[in-house]
Amino acid sequence: MRASIVNSLTYLGVEIDPEKNKIRGQEIDISVENARCRVLVIPTNEELMIAMDTYALVNQG
């Protein structure tokens, strides 16, 4: 999914390295060496954050 989105942004100088894009679970720069714009990947756990926010809302005073 990331590659298909980024591929539509090449006119802005956004290009990713397909091999770097395969790496999971790490903070990493997946840009090609000569890209005008950096693409950084930061792993998240969105499901956990949604659960924690929901719990906090349900348990408000």
PDB file of N, CA and C in Angstrom:
ATOM      1  N   MET A   1       0.821  -1.186   0.000  1.00  0.00           N
ATOM      2  CA  MET A   1       0.000   0.000   0.000  1.00  0.00           C
ATOM      3  C   MET A   1       0.873   1.259   0.000  1.00  0.00           C
ATOM      4  N   ARG A   2       1.895   1.262   0.839  1.00  0.00           N
ATOM      5  CA  ARG A   2       2.781   2.426   0.921  1.00  0.00           C
ATOM      6  C   ARG A   2       3.384   2.731  -0.445  1.00  0.00           C
ATOM      7  N   ALA A   3       3.855   1.707  -1.135  1.00  0.00           N
ATOM      8  CA  ALA A   3       4.503   1.907  -2.434  1.00  0.00           C
ATOM      9  C   ALA A   3       3.544   2.525  -3.443  1.00  0.00           C
ATOM     10  N   SER A   4       2.299   2.082  -3.464  1.00  0.00           N
ATOM     11  CA  SER A   4       1.349   2.627  -4.435  1.00  0.00           C
ATOM     12  C   SER A   4       1.053   4.099  -4.152  1.00  0.00           C
ATOM     13  N   ILE A   5       1.020   4.473  -2.885  1.00  0.00           N
ATOM     14  CA  ILE A   5       0.798   5.882  -2.535  1.00  0.00           C
ATOM     15  C   ILE A   5       2.016   6.713  -2.909  1.00  0.00           C
ATOM     16  N   VAL A   6       3.191   6.241  -2.517  1.00  0.00           N
ATOM     17  CA  VAL A   6       4.426   6.987  -2.778  1.00  0.00           C
ATOM     18  C   VAL A   6       4.707   7.093  -4.274  1.00  0.00           C
ATOM     19  N   ASN A   7       4.383   6.074  -5.035  1.00  0.00           N
ATOM     20  CA  ASN A   7       4.627   6.118  -6.479  1.00  0.00           C
ATOM     21  C   ASN A   7       3.859   7.240  -7.162  1.00  0.00           C
ATOM     22  N   SER A   8       2.767   7.681  -6.568  1.00  0.00           N
ATOM     23  CA  SER A   8       2.016   8.794  -7.156  1.00  0.00           C
ATOM     24  C   SER A   8       2.616  10.150  -6.774  1.00  0.00           C
ATOM     25  N   LEU A   9       3.677  10.152  -5.971  1.00  0.00           N
ATOM     26  CA  LEU A   9       4.294  11.395  -5.504  1.00  0.00           C
ATOM     27  C   LEU A   9       5.691  11.633  -6.081  1.00  0.00           C
ATOM     28  N   THR A  10       6.068  10.883  -7.095  1.00  0.00           N
ATOM     29  CA  THR A  10       7.418  11.046  -7.647  1.00  0.00           C
ATOM     30  C   THR A  10       7.658  12.446  -8.197  1.00  0.00           C
ATOM     31  N   TYR A  11       6.615  13.119  -8.661  1.00  0.00           N
ATOM     32  CA  TYR A  11       6.778  14.482  -9.173  1.00  0.00           C
ATOM     33  C   TYR A  11       7.230  15.456  -8.075  1.00  0.00           C
ATOM     34  N   LEU A  12       7.066  15.054  -6.815  1.00  0.00           N
ATOM     35  CA  LEU A  12       7.529  15.864  -5.688  1.00  0.00           C
ATOM     36  C   LEU A  12       8.928  15.464  -5.223  1.00  0.00           C
ATOM     37  N   GLY A  13       9.519  14.489  -5.894  1.00  0.00           N
ATOM     38  CA  GLY A  13      10.844  14.025  -5.507  1.00  0.00           C
ATOM     39  C   GLY A  13      10.819  12.918  -4.476  1.00  0.00           C
ATOM     40  N   VAL A  14       9.664  12.301  -4.288  1.00  0.00           N
ATOM     41  CA  VAL A  14       9.514  11.219  -3.320  1.00  0.00           C
ATOM     42  C   VAL A  14       9.724   9.898  -4.051  1.00  0.00           C
ATOM     43  N   GLU A  15      10.744   9.156  -3.643  1.00  0.00           N
ATOM     44  CA  GLU A  15      11.015   7.834  -4.218  1.00  0.00           C
ATOM     45  C   GLU A  15      11.490   6.915  -3.113  1.00  0.00           C
ATOM     46  N   ILE A  16      10.971   5.682  -3.122  1.00  0.00           N
ATOM     47  CA  ILE A  16      11.402   4.733  -2.095  1.00  0.00           C
ATOM     48  C   ILE A  16      12.156   3.567  -2.716  1.00  0.00           C
ATOM     49  N   ASP A  17      13.031   3.013  -1.915  1.00  0.00           N
ATOM     50  CA  ASP A  17      13.797   1.829  -2.291  1.00  0.00           C
ATOM     51  C   ASP A  17      12.924   0.607  -1.999  1.00  0.00           C
ATOM     52  N   PRO A  18      12.583  -0.185  -3.019  1.00  0.00           N
ATOM     53  CA  PRO A  18      11.695  -1.334  -2.814  1.00  0.00           C
ATOM     54  C   PRO A  18      12.215  -2.334  -1.777  1.00  0.00           C
ATOM     55  N   GLU A  19      13.528  -2.520  -1.698  1.00  0.00           N
ATOM     56  CA  GLU A  19      14.088  -3.462  -0.716  1.00  0.00           C
ATOM     57  C   GLU A  19      13.977  -2.909   0.700  1.00  0.00           C
ATOM     58  N   LYS A  20      14.274  -1.633   0.867  1.00  0.00           N
ATOM     59  CA  LYS A  20      14.135  -1.018   2.190  1.00  0.00           C
ATOM     60  C   LYS A  20      12.672  -1.014   2.629  1.00  0.00           C
ATOM     61  N   ASN A  21      11.762  -0.872   1.675  1.00  0.00           N
ATOM     62  CA  ASN A  21      10.336  -0.837   1.983  1.00  0.00           C
ATOM     63  C   ASN A  21       9.835  -2.175   2.537  1.00  0.00           C
ATOM     64  N   LYS A  22      10.555  -3.249   2.298  1.00  0.00           N
ATOM     65  CA  LYS A  22      10.162  -4.578   2.794  1.00  0.00           C
ATOM     66  C   LYS A  22      10.498  -4.772   4.273  1.00  0.00           C
ATOM     67  N   ILE A  23      11.365  -3.922   4.822  1.00  0.00           N
ATOM     68  CA  ILE A  23      11.793  -4.051   6.218  1.00  0.00           C
ATOM     69  C   ILE A  23      10.640  -3.635   7.126  1.00  0.00           C
ATOM     70  N   ARG A  24      10.348  -4.459   8.115  1.00  0.00           N
ATOM     71  CA  ARG A  24       9.219  -4.206   9.022  1.00  0.00           C
ATOM     72  C   ARG A  24       9.700  -4.052  10.460  1.00  0.00           C
ATOM     73  N   GLY A  25       8.970  -3.267  11.230  1.00  0.00           N
ATOM     74  CA  GLY A  25       9.205  -3.172  12.664  1.00  0.00           C
ATOM     75  C   GLY A  25      10.371  -2.307  13.096  1.00  0.00           C
ATOM     76  N   GLN A  26      10.902  -1.467  12.198  1.00  0.00           N
ATOM     77  CA  GLN A  26      12.045  -0.613  12.529  1.00  0.00           C
ATOM     78  C   GLN A  26      11.781   0.816  12.085  1.00  0.00           C
ATOM     79  N   GLU A  27      12.387   1.762  12.801  1.00  0.00           N
ATOM     80  CA  GLU A  27      12.431   3.127  12.286  1.00  0.00           C
ATOM     81  C   GLU A  27      13.495   3.126  11.199  1.00  0.00           C
ATOM     82  N   ILE A  28      13.127   3.561  10.007  1.00  0.00           N
ATOM     83  CA  ILE A  28      14.060   3.479   8.883  1.00  0.00           C
ATOM     84  C   ILE A  28      13.719   4.529   7.828  1.00  0.00           C
ATOM     85  N   ASP A  29      14.743   4.996   7.145  1.00  0.00           N
ATOM     86  CA  ASP A  29      14.580   5.870   5.987  1.00  0.00           C
ATOM     87  C   ASP A  29      14.517   4.952   4.770  1.00  0.00           C
ATOM     88  N   ILE A  30      13.385   4.926   4.087  1.00  0.00           N
ATOM     89  CA  ILE A  30      13.227   4.018   2.943  1.00  0.00           C
ATOM     90  C   ILE A  30      13.392   4.737   1.608  1.00  0.00           C
ATOM     91  N   SER A  31      13.889   5.966   1.650  1.00  0.00           N
ATOM     92  CA  SER A  31      14.104   6.736   0.430  1.00  0.00           C
ATOM     93  C   SER A  31      15.255   6.165  -0.382  1.00  0.00           C
ATOM     94  N   VAL A  32      15.217   6.412  -1.688  1.00  0.00           N
ATOM     95  CA  VAL A  32      16.379   6.093  -2.515  1.00  0.00           C
ATOM     96  C   VAL A  32      17.476   7.099  -2.172  1.00  0.00           C
ATOM     97  N   GLU A  33      18.709   6.765  -2.491  1.00  0.00           N
ATOM     98  CA  GLU A  33      19.858   7.607  -2.125  1.00  0.00           C
ATOM     99  C   GLU A  33      19.730   9.052  -2.590  1.00  0.00           C
ATOM    100  N   ASN A  34      19.311   9.275  -3.823  1.00  0.00           N
ATOM    101  CA  ASN A  34      19.310  10.622  -4.394  1.00  0.00           C
ATOM    102  C   ASN A  34      17.931  11.286  -4.370  1.00  0.00           C
ATOM    103  N   ALA A  35      17.038  10.832  -3.532  1.00  0.00           N
ATOM    104  CA  ALA A  35      15.691  11.410  -3.471  1.00  0.00           C
ATOM    105  C   ALA A  35      15.750  12.845  -2.949  1.00  0.00           C
ATOM    106  N   ARG A  36      14.895  13.699  -3.491  1.00  0.00           N
ATOM    107  CA  ARG A  36      14.816  15.087  -3.021  1.00  0.00           C
ATOM    108  C   ARG A  36      14.074  15.184  -1.698  1.00  0.00           C
ATOM    109  N   CYS A  37      13.305  14.160  -1.380  1.00  0.00           N
ATOM    110  CA  CYS A  37      12.484  14.161  -0.174  1.00  0.00           C
ATOM    111  C   CYS A  37      12.681  12.833   0.553  1.00  0.00           C
ATOM    112  N   ARG A  38      12.853  12.873   1.858  1.00  0.00           N
ATOM    113  CA  ARG A  38      13.050  11.656   2.649  1.00  0.00           C
ATOM    114  C   ARG A  38      11.699  11.034   2.993  1.00  0.00           C
ATOM    115  N   VAL A  39      11.664   9.706   3.033  1.00  0.00           N
ATOM    116  CA  VAL A  39      10.481   8.967   3.480  1.00  0.00           C
ATOM    117  C   VAL A  39      10.913   8.135   4.679  1.00  0.00           C
ATOM    118  N   LEU A  40      10.377   8.479   5.838  1.00  0.00           N
ATOM    119  CA  LEU A  40      10.738   7.797   7.076  1.00  0.00           C
ATOM    120  C   LEU A  40       9.582   6.915   7.526  1.00  0.00           C
ATOM    121  N   VAL A  41       9.911   5.714   7.981  1.00  0.00           N
ATOM    122  CA  VAL A  41       8.917   4.784   8.503  1.00  0.00           C
ATOM    123  C   VAL A  41       9.103   4.715  10.011  1.00  0.00           C
ATOM    124  N   ILE A  42       8.008   4.910  10.732  1.00  0.00           N
ATOM    125  CA  ILE A  42       8.026   4.809  12.189  1.00  0.00           C
ATOM    126  C   ILE A  42       6.937   3.821  12.584  1.00  0.00           C
ATOM    127  N   PRO A  43       7.327   2.659  13.124  1.00  0.00           N
ATOM    128  CA  PRO A  43       6.323   1.655  13.485  1.00  0.00           C
ATOM    129  C   PRO A  43       5.407   2.161  14.604  1.00  0.00           C
ATOM    130  N   THR A  44       4.149   1.799  14.499  1.00  0.00           N
ATOM    131  CA  THR A  44       3.171   2.183  15.519  1.00  0.00           C
ATOM    132  C   THR A  44       2.300   0.986  15.862  1.00  0.00           C
ATOM    133  N   ASN A  45       1.556   1.131  16.925  1.00  0.00           N
ATOM    134  CA  ASN A  45       0.575   0.118  17.297  1.00  0.00           C
ATOM    135  C   ASN A  45      -0.755   0.851  17.433  1.00  0.00           C
ATOM    136  N   GLU A  46      -1.381   1.151  16.292  1.00  0.00           N
ATOM    137  CA  GLU A  46      -2.598   1.949  16.278  1.00  0.00           C
ATOM    138  C   GLU A  46      -3.743   1.275  17.013  1.00  0.00           C
ATOM    139  N   GLU A  47      -3.829  -0.048  16.910  1.00  0.00           N
ATOM    140  CA  GLU A  47      -4.912  -0.764  17.585  1.00  0.00           C
ATOM    141  C   GLU A  47      -4.820  -0.591  19.098  1.00  0.00           C
ATOM    142  N   LEU A  48      -3.604  -0.644  19.637  1.00  0.00           N
ATOM    143  CA  LEU A  48      -3.414  -0.446  21.070  1.00  0.00           C
ATOM    144  C   LEU A  48      -3.825   0.965  21.479  1.00  0.00           C
ATOM    145  N   MET A  49      -3.440   1.962  20.699  1.00  0.00           N
ATOM    146  CA  MET A  49      -3.805   3.342  21.027  1.00  0.00           C
ATOM    147  C   MET A  49      -5.320   3.535  20.997  1.00  0.00           C
ATOM    148  N   ILE A  50      -5.997   2.948  20.027  1.00  0.00           N
ATOM    149  CA  ILE A  50      -7.456   3.043  19.960  1.00  0.00           C
ATOM    150  C   ILE A  50      -8.069   2.400  21.194  1.00  0.00           C
ATOM    151  N   ALA A  51      -7.572   1.229  21.574  1.00  0.00           N
ATOM    152  CA  ALA A  51      -8.091   0.530  22.756  1.00  0.00           C
ATOM    153  C   ALA A  51      -7.866   1.352  24.018  1.00  0.00           C
ATOM    154  N   MET A  52      -6.690   1.938  24.159  1.00  0.00           N
ATOM    155  CA  MET A  52      -6.393   2.735  25.353  1.00  0.00           C
ATOM    156  C   MET A  52      -7.268   3.992  25.416  1.00  0.00           C
ATOM    157  N   ASP A  53      -7.447   4.660  24.284  1.00  0.00           N
ATOM    158  CA  ASP A  53      -8.301   5.849  24.253  1.00  0.00           C
ATOM    159  C   ASP A  53      -9.753   5.490  24.558  1.00  0.00           C
ATOM    160  N   THR A  54     -10.219   4.372  24.010  1.00  0.00           N
ATOM    161  CA  THR A  54     -11.585   3.919  24.281  1.00  0.00           C
ATOM    162  C   THR A  54     -11.762   3.612  25.756  1.00  0.00           C
ATOM    163  N   TYR A  55     -10.804   2.918  26.338  1.00  0.00           N
ATOM    164  CA  TYR A  55     -10.853   2.589  27.766  1.00  0.00           C
ATOM    165  C   TYR A  55     -10.929   3.864  28.608  1.00  0.00           C
ATOM    166  N   ALA A  56     -10.105   4.845  28.262  1.00  0.00           N
ATOM    167  CA  ALA A  56     -10.094   6.105  29.007  1.00  0.00           C
ATOM    168  C   ALA A  56     -11.440   6.822  28.898  1.00  0.00           C
ATOM    169  N   LEU A  57     -12.039   6.826  27.707  1.00  0.00           N
ATOM    170  CA  LEU A  57     -13.337   7.476  27.533  1.00  0.00           C
ATOM    171  C   LEU A  57     -14.437   6.768  28.316  1.00  0.00           C
ATOM    172  N   VAL A  58     -14.438   5.455  28.278  1.00  0.00           N
ATOM    173  CA  VAL A  58     -15.467   4.669  28.963  1.00  0.00           C
ATOM    174  C   VAL A  58     -15.369   4.847  30.474  1.00  0.00           C
ATOM    175  N   ASN A  59     -14.163   5.049  30.977  1.00  0.00           N
ATOM    176  CA  ASN A  59     -13.954   5.131  32.422  1.00  0.00           C
ATOM    177  C   ASN A  59     -13.855   6.556  32.960  1.00  0.00           C
ATOM    178  N   GLN A  60     -14.259   7.532  32.158  1.00  0.00           N
ATOM    179  CA  GLN A  60     -14.262   8.916  32.643  1.00  0.00           C
ATOM    180  C   GLN A  60     -15.341   9.083  33.712  1.00  0.00           C
ATOM    181  N   GLY A  61     -15.005   9.872  34.742  1.00  0.00           N
ATOM    182  CA  GLY A  61     -15.823  10.131  35.894  1.00  0.00           C
ATOM    183  C   GLY A  61     -17.254  10.214  35.711  1.00  0.00           C
TER     184      GLY A  61
END
